[in-house]
Amino acid sequence: MQIFFESRVANGAQMRDLSMARVRFALRRLAASVPQVKLQFSDVNGPRGGVDKRCQVELTTAHASTVVIASLARDWRTALDRSLIRATRVVARKLQRAQKPVRGRTAKLALER
């Protein structure tokens, strides 16, 4: 799994190692299906403070679809964790839907052949 890290904040280098470890841990079950992850961190309203830390996670799955999740929080770690939780849930749901058997009329036609 390739992980790309982009940060527009001053302490981005410090967050890099922690972020990489969190992504690998959160996506360990889905590593075969998610070959590429892109992390982006930005501070929405600068040094004024508040709930303005933005983390965007973009997952490219093996089925050529892309999942993009962004979250805002008061600190970087919370924003990252919220984004990863939602992203893993969405990707797992997509993979489950792709594996479901076809039901209904199309399944009957396939069996008759």
N, C-alpha and C. Protein backbone atom coordinates (compact mmCIF):
# COMPACT_ATOMS: atom_id res chain seq x y z
N MET A 1 0.85 -1.16 0.00
CA MET A 1 0.00 0.00 0.00
C MET A 1 0.90 1.24 0.00
N GLN A 2 0.63 2.13 -0.94
CA GLN A 2 1.36 3.37 -1.01
C GLN A 2 0.58 4.44 -0.25
N ILE A 3 1.29 5.20 0.56
CA ILE A 3 0.67 6.26 1.33
C ILE A 3 1.36 7.57 0.96
N PHE A 4 0.58 8.52 0.47
CA PHE A 4 1.09 9.84 0.13
C PHE A 4 0.62 10.82 1.19
N PHE A 5 1.52 11.66 1.65
CA PHE A 5 1.23 12.58 2.74
C PHE A 5 1.44 14.01 2.27
N GLU A 6 0.42 14.86 2.45
CA GLU A 6 0.52 16.28 2.13
C GLU A 6 0.06 17.07 3.34
N SER A 7 0.82 18.09 3.67
CA SER A 7 0.44 18.92 4.80
C SER A 7 0.74 20.37 4.49
N ARG A 8 -0.21 21.23 4.83
CA ARG A 8 -0.03 22.67 4.63
C ARG A 8 0.14 23.38 5.97
N VAL A 9 0.58 22.65 6.96
CA VAL A 9 0.77 23.23 8.29
C VAL A 9 2.24 23.17 8.67
N ALA A 10 2.62 23.97 9.66
CA ALA A 10 4.02 24.09 10.05
C ALA A 10 4.58 22.80 10.63
N ASN A 11 3.82 22.10 11.46
CA ASN A 11 4.34 20.88 12.11
C ASN A 11 3.94 19.62 11.36
N GLY A 12 3.85 19.69 10.05
CA GLY A 12 3.46 18.55 9.22
C GLY A 12 4.44 17.40 9.27
N ALA A 13 5.71 17.70 9.36
CA ALA A 13 6.72 16.64 9.41
C ALA A 13 6.58 15.80 10.66
N GLN A 14 6.18 16.40 11.77
CA GLN A 14 6.00 15.67 13.02
C GLN A 14 4.78 14.74 12.93
N MET A 15 3.76 15.15 12.21
CA MET A 15 2.55 14.35 12.09
C MET A 15 2.70 13.21 11.09
N ARG A 16 3.70 13.28 10.25
CA ARG A 16 3.85 12.31 9.16
C ARG A 16 3.98 10.88 9.66
N ASP A 17 4.89 10.62 10.57
CA ASP A 17 5.13 9.27 11.05
C ASP A 17 3.91 8.70 11.78
N LEU A 18 3.31 9.51 12.63
CA LEU A 18 2.11 9.07 13.34
C LEU A 18 0.97 8.77 12.37
N SER A 19 0.80 9.63 11.39
CA SER A 19 -0.27 9.44 10.41
C SER A 19 -0.07 8.17 9.60
N MET A 20 1.15 7.92 9.16
CA MET A 20 1.44 6.71 8.40
C MET A 20 1.14 5.46 9.22
N ALA A 21 1.53 5.47 10.47
CA ALA A 21 1.27 4.32 11.34
C ALA A 21 -0.23 4.12 11.55
N ARG A 22 -0.97 5.21 11.77
CA ARG A 22 -2.42 5.12 11.97
C ARG A 22 -3.13 4.58 10.72
N VAL A 23 -2.69 5.01 9.55
CA VAL A 23 -3.30 4.52 8.30
C VAL A 23 -3.04 3.03 8.12
N ARG A 24 -1.80 2.62 8.33
CA ARG A 24 -1.48 1.19 8.19
C ARG A 24 -2.28 0.34 9.18
N PHE A 25 -2.43 0.83 10.40
CA PHE A 25 -3.19 0.10 11.41
C PHE A 25 -4.67 0.03 11.05
N ALA A 26 -5.25 1.15 10.64
CA ALA A 26 -6.69 1.19 10.35
C ALA A 26 -7.05 0.38 9.11
N LEU A 27 -6.16 0.32 8.14
CA LEU A 27 -6.46 -0.36 6.88
C LEU A 27 -5.79 -1.73 6.77
N ARG A 28 -5.38 -2.31 7.86
CA ARG A 28 -4.67 -3.59 7.79
C ARG A 28 -5.53 -4.70 7.20
N ARG A 29 -6.83 -4.70 7.46
CA ARG A 29 -7.72 -5.72 6.88
C ARG A 29 -7.95 -5.49 5.39
N LEU A 30 -7.91 -4.24 4.98
CA LEU A 30 -8.27 -3.89 3.61
C LEU A 30 -7.05 -3.60 2.74
N ALA A 31 -5.86 -3.91 3.21
CA ALA A 31 -4.63 -3.54 2.50
C ALA A 31 -4.57 -4.14 1.10
N ALA A 32 -5.11 -5.33 0.90
CA ALA A 32 -5.09 -5.96 -0.43
C ALA A 32 -6.01 -5.23 -1.41
N SER A 33 -7.05 -4.61 -0.91
CA SER A 33 -8.04 -3.94 -1.77
C SER A 33 -7.77 -2.45 -1.95
N VAL A 34 -6.90 -1.89 -1.13
CA VAL A 34 -6.62 -0.45 -1.20
C VAL A 34 -5.13 -0.26 -1.47
N PRO A 35 -4.77 -0.12 -2.75
CA PRO A 35 -3.35 0.02 -3.07
C PRO A 35 -2.77 1.42 -2.83
N GLN A 36 -3.64 2.44 -2.74
CA GLN A 36 -3.12 3.81 -2.62
C GLN A 36 -3.97 4.63 -1.67
N VAL A 37 -3.28 5.36 -0.78
CA VAL A 37 -3.94 6.25 0.18
C VAL A 37 -3.26 7.61 0.10
N LYS A 38 -4.09 8.66 0.09
CA LYS A 38 -3.55 10.02 0.06
C LYS A 38 -4.11 10.78 1.26
N LEU A 39 -3.24 11.30 2.10
CA LEU A 39 -3.62 12.07 3.28
C LEU A 39 -3.33 13.54 3.04
N GLN A 40 -4.27 14.39 3.39
CA GLN A 40 -4.05 15.83 3.29
C GLN A 40 -4.49 16.49 4.59
N PHE A 41 -3.61 17.28 5.15
CA PHE A 41 -3.92 18.04 6.36
C PHE A 41 -3.89 19.52 6.03
N SER A 42 -4.86 20.27 6.56
CA SER A 42 -4.85 21.71 6.38
C SER A 42 -5.53 22.37 7.58
N ASP A 43 -5.12 23.58 7.84
CA ASP A 43 -5.69 24.38 8.91
C ASP A 43 -6.63 25.39 8.26
N VAL A 44 -7.93 25.22 8.47
CA VAL A 44 -8.92 25.97 7.71
C VAL A 44 -8.83 27.47 7.95
N ASN A 45 -8.82 27.92 9.20
CA ASN A 45 -8.81 29.37 9.43
C ASN A 45 -7.54 29.84 10.11
N GLY A 46 -6.45 29.14 9.91
CA GLY A 46 -5.14 29.60 10.37
C GLY A 46 -4.97 29.60 11.87
N PRO A 47 -4.22 30.55 12.39
CA PRO A 47 -3.87 30.56 13.81
C PRO A 47 -4.98 31.04 14.75
N ARG A 48 -6.15 31.29 14.23
CA ARG A 48 -7.24 31.79 15.08
C ARG A 48 -7.80 30.73 16.03
N GLY A 49 -7.56 29.46 15.75
CA GLY A 49 -8.03 28.40 16.64
C GLY A 49 -9.44 27.95 16.31
N GLY A 50 -9.98 27.12 17.19
CA GLY A 50 -11.32 26.61 17.00
C GLY A 50 -11.31 25.26 16.30
N VAL A 51 -12.47 24.81 15.90
CA VAL A 51 -12.61 23.53 15.20
C VAL A 51 -12.26 23.78 13.74
N ASP A 52 -10.98 23.71 13.44
CA ASP A 52 -10.56 24.08 12.10
C ASP A 52 -9.47 23.18 11.53
N LYS A 53 -9.15 22.10 12.19
CA LYS A 53 -8.15 21.17 11.67
C LYS A 53 -8.85 20.21 10.72
N ARG A 54 -8.42 20.20 9.44
CA ARG A 54 -9.10 19.40 8.43
C ARG A 54 -8.18 18.27 7.97
N CYS A 55 -8.72 17.07 7.95
CA CYS A 55 -8.00 15.91 7.45
C CYS A 55 -8.83 15.29 6.33
N GLN A 56 -8.21 15.11 5.18
CA GLN A 56 -8.89 14.47 4.05
C GLN A 56 -8.14 13.20 3.70
N VAL A 57 -8.88 12.11 3.62
CA VAL A 57 -8.31 10.81 3.27
C VAL A 57 -8.93 10.38 1.95
N GLU A 58 -8.07 10.08 0.98
CA GLU A 58 -8.53 9.62 -0.33
C GLU A 58 -8.00 8.21 -0.55
N LEU A 59 -8.92 7.26 -0.66
CA LEU A 59 -8.55 5.86 -0.84
C LEU A 59 -8.88 5.44 -2.26
N THR A 60 -7.91 4.88 -2.96
CA THR A 60 -8.15 4.33 -4.28
C THR A 60 -8.23 2.82 -4.13
N THR A 61 -9.37 2.26 -4.47
CA THR A 61 -9.55 0.82 -4.29
C THR A 61 -9.13 0.08 -5.55
N ALA A 62 -9.03 -1.23 -5.42
CA ALA A 62 -8.61 -2.07 -6.53
C ALA A 62 -9.64 -2.08 -7.65
N HIS A 63 -10.88 -1.73 -7.35
CA HIS A 63 -11.95 -1.74 -8.35
C HIS A 63 -12.07 -0.40 -9.06
N ALA A 64 -11.03 0.43 -8.99
CA ALA A 64 -10.93 1.71 -9.70
C ALA A 64 -11.92 2.76 -9.20
N SER A 65 -12.49 2.58 -8.07
CA SER A 65 -13.32 3.65 -7.50
C SER A 65 -12.52 4.35 -6.41
N THR A 66 -12.84 5.59 -6.18
CA THR A 66 -12.12 6.37 -5.20
C THR A 66 -13.07 6.82 -4.11
N VAL A 67 -12.62 6.71 -2.86
CA VAL A 67 -13.40 7.14 -1.71
C VAL A 67 -12.66 8.32 -1.09
N VAL A 68 -13.37 9.44 -0.95
CA VAL A 68 -12.78 10.64 -0.37
C VAL A 68 -13.60 11.03 0.86
N ILE A 69 -12.93 11.10 2.01
CA ILE A 69 -13.57 11.44 3.27
C ILE A 69 -12.78 12.58 3.90
N ALA A 70 -13.49 13.59 4.38
CA ALA A 70 -12.85 14.71 5.07
C ALA A 70 -13.57 14.95 6.38
N SER A 71 -12.81 15.37 7.38
CA SER A 71 -13.42 15.68 8.67
C SER A 71 -12.71 16.87 9.31
N LEU A 72 -13.45 17.58 10.13
CA LEU A 72 -12.93 18.72 10.88
C LEU A 72 -12.94 18.38 12.35
N ALA A 73 -11.92 18.83 13.06
CA ALA A 73 -11.84 18.59 14.50
C ALA A 73 -10.99 19.68 15.14
N ARG A 74 -10.93 19.64 16.46
CA ARG A 74 -10.16 20.61 17.21
C ARG A 74 -8.66 20.31 17.16
N ASP A 75 -8.30 19.02 17.02
CA ASP A 75 -6.87 18.65 16.92
C ASP A 75 -6.67 17.67 15.77
N TRP A 76 -5.42 17.51 15.36
CA TRP A 76 -5.08 16.71 14.19
C TRP A 76 -5.39 15.24 14.38
N ARG A 77 -5.07 14.70 15.51
CA ARG A 77 -5.26 13.27 15.75
C ARG A 77 -6.74 12.89 15.66
N THR A 78 -7.61 13.69 16.23
CA THR A 78 -9.04 13.41 16.18
C THR A 78 -9.56 13.49 14.75
N ALA A 79 -9.11 14.48 14.01
CA ALA A 79 -9.53 14.61 12.61
C ALA A 79 -9.09 13.40 11.79
N LEU A 80 -7.86 12.95 12.00
CA LEU A 80 -7.35 11.78 11.29
C LEU A 80 -8.13 10.53 11.65
N ASP A 81 -8.35 10.31 12.94
CA ASP A 81 -9.07 9.11 13.37
C ASP A 81 -10.50 9.08 12.85
N ARG A 82 -11.19 10.21 12.88
CA ARG A 82 -12.56 10.26 12.36
C ARG A 82 -12.60 9.96 10.87
N SER A 83 -11.66 10.51 10.13
CA SER A 83 -11.61 10.26 8.69
C SER A 83 -11.33 8.80 8.39
N LEU A 84 -10.40 8.20 9.12
CA LEU A 84 -10.05 6.80 8.88
C LEU A 84 -11.20 5.86 9.24
N ILE A 85 -11.91 6.16 10.31
CA ILE A 85 -13.04 5.32 10.71
C ILE A 85 -14.10 5.32 9.62
N ARG A 86 -14.46 6.51 9.15
CA ARG A 86 -15.48 6.60 8.11
C ARG A 86 -15.01 5.97 6.80
N ALA A 87 -13.75 6.19 6.44
CA ALA A 87 -13.23 5.66 5.18
C ALA A 87 -13.20 4.13 5.19
N THR A 88 -12.75 3.53 6.27
CA THR A 88 -12.72 2.06 6.33
C THR A 88 -14.13 1.48 6.28
N ARG A 89 -15.08 2.14 6.92
CA ARG A 89 -16.46 1.67 6.90
C ARG A 89 -17.03 1.72 5.47
N VAL A 90 -16.77 2.81 4.76
CA VAL A 90 -17.28 2.96 3.39
C VAL A 90 -16.65 1.93 2.45
N VAL A 91 -15.34 1.75 2.54
CA VAL A 91 -14.66 0.80 1.67
C VAL A 91 -15.11 -0.63 1.96
N ALA A 92 -15.24 -0.99 3.23
CA ALA A 92 -15.70 -2.33 3.58
C ALA A 92 -17.11 -2.57 3.04
N ARG A 93 -17.98 -1.58 3.14
CA ARG A 93 -19.34 -1.71 2.62
C ARG A 93 -19.34 -1.87 1.10
N LYS A 94 -18.49 -1.12 0.40
CA LYS A 94 -18.39 -1.25 -1.06
C LYS A 94 -17.91 -2.63 -1.45
N LEU A 95 -16.93 -3.15 -0.73
CA LEU A 95 -16.42 -4.48 -1.04
C LEU A 95 -17.46 -5.56 -0.78
N GLN A 96 -18.24 -5.42 0.27
CA GLN A 96 -19.30 -6.38 0.56
C GLN A 96 -20.36 -6.36 -0.54
N ARG A 97 -20.72 -5.18 -0.99
CA ARG A 97 -21.72 -5.07 -2.06
C ARG A 97 -21.22 -5.68 -3.35
N ALA A 98 -19.94 -5.54 -3.63
CA ALA A 98 -19.37 -6.09 -4.85
C ALA A 98 -19.33 -7.61 -4.82
N GLN A 99 -19.27 -8.20 -3.64
CA GLN A 99 -19.19 -9.65 -3.50
C GLN A 99 -20.54 -10.34 -3.41
N LYS A 100 -21.62 -9.59 -3.24
CA LYS A 100 -22.94 -10.19 -3.13
C LYS A 100 -23.33 -10.86 -4.44
N PRO A 101 -23.98 -12.01 -4.37
CA PRO A 101 -24.42 -12.66 -5.61
C PRO A 101 -25.57 -11.89 -6.25
N VAL A 102 -25.67 -12.02 -7.54
CA VAL A 102 -26.74 -11.37 -8.28
C VAL A 102 -28.03 -12.14 -8.04
N ARG A 103 -29.07 -11.44 -7.69
CA ARG A 103 -30.35 -12.08 -7.41
C ARG A 103 -31.40 -11.58 -8.37
N GLY A 104 -32.44 -12.31 -8.46
CA GLY A 104 -33.55 -11.87 -9.29
C GLY A 104 -33.50 -12.48 -10.66
N ARG A 105 -34.03 -11.76 -11.62
CA ARG A 105 -34.19 -12.28 -12.97
C ARG A 105 -32.85 -12.56 -13.64
N THR A 106 -31.87 -11.71 -13.44
CA THR A 106 -30.57 -11.93 -14.09
C THR A 106 -29.90 -13.19 -13.59
N ALA A 107 -30.11 -13.54 -12.33
CA ALA A 107 -29.53 -14.76 -11.80
C ALA A 107 -30.20 -15.98 -12.41
N LYS A 108 -31.50 -15.93 -12.61
CA LYS A 108 -32.23 -17.05 -13.22
C LYS A 108 -31.79 -17.25 -14.67
N LEU A 109 -31.59 -16.17 -15.38
CA LEU A 109 -31.12 -16.28 -16.76
C LEU A 109 -29.73 -16.88 -16.83
N ALA A 110 -28.88 -16.53 -15.89
CA ALA A 110 -27.52 -17.06 -15.88
C ALA A 110 -27.52 -18.55 -15.57
N LEU A 111 -28.45 -19.00 -14.71
CA LEU A 111 -28.53 -20.42 -14.37
C LEU A 111 -29.10 -21.25 -15.50
N GLU A 112 -29.98 -20.70 -16.30
CA GLU A 112 -30.62 -21.43 -17.38
C GLU A 112 -29.65 -21.71 -18.51
N ARG A 113 -28.64 -20.92 -18.66
CA ARG A 113 -27.68 -21.10 -19.78
C ARG A 113 -26.76 -22.20 -19.55
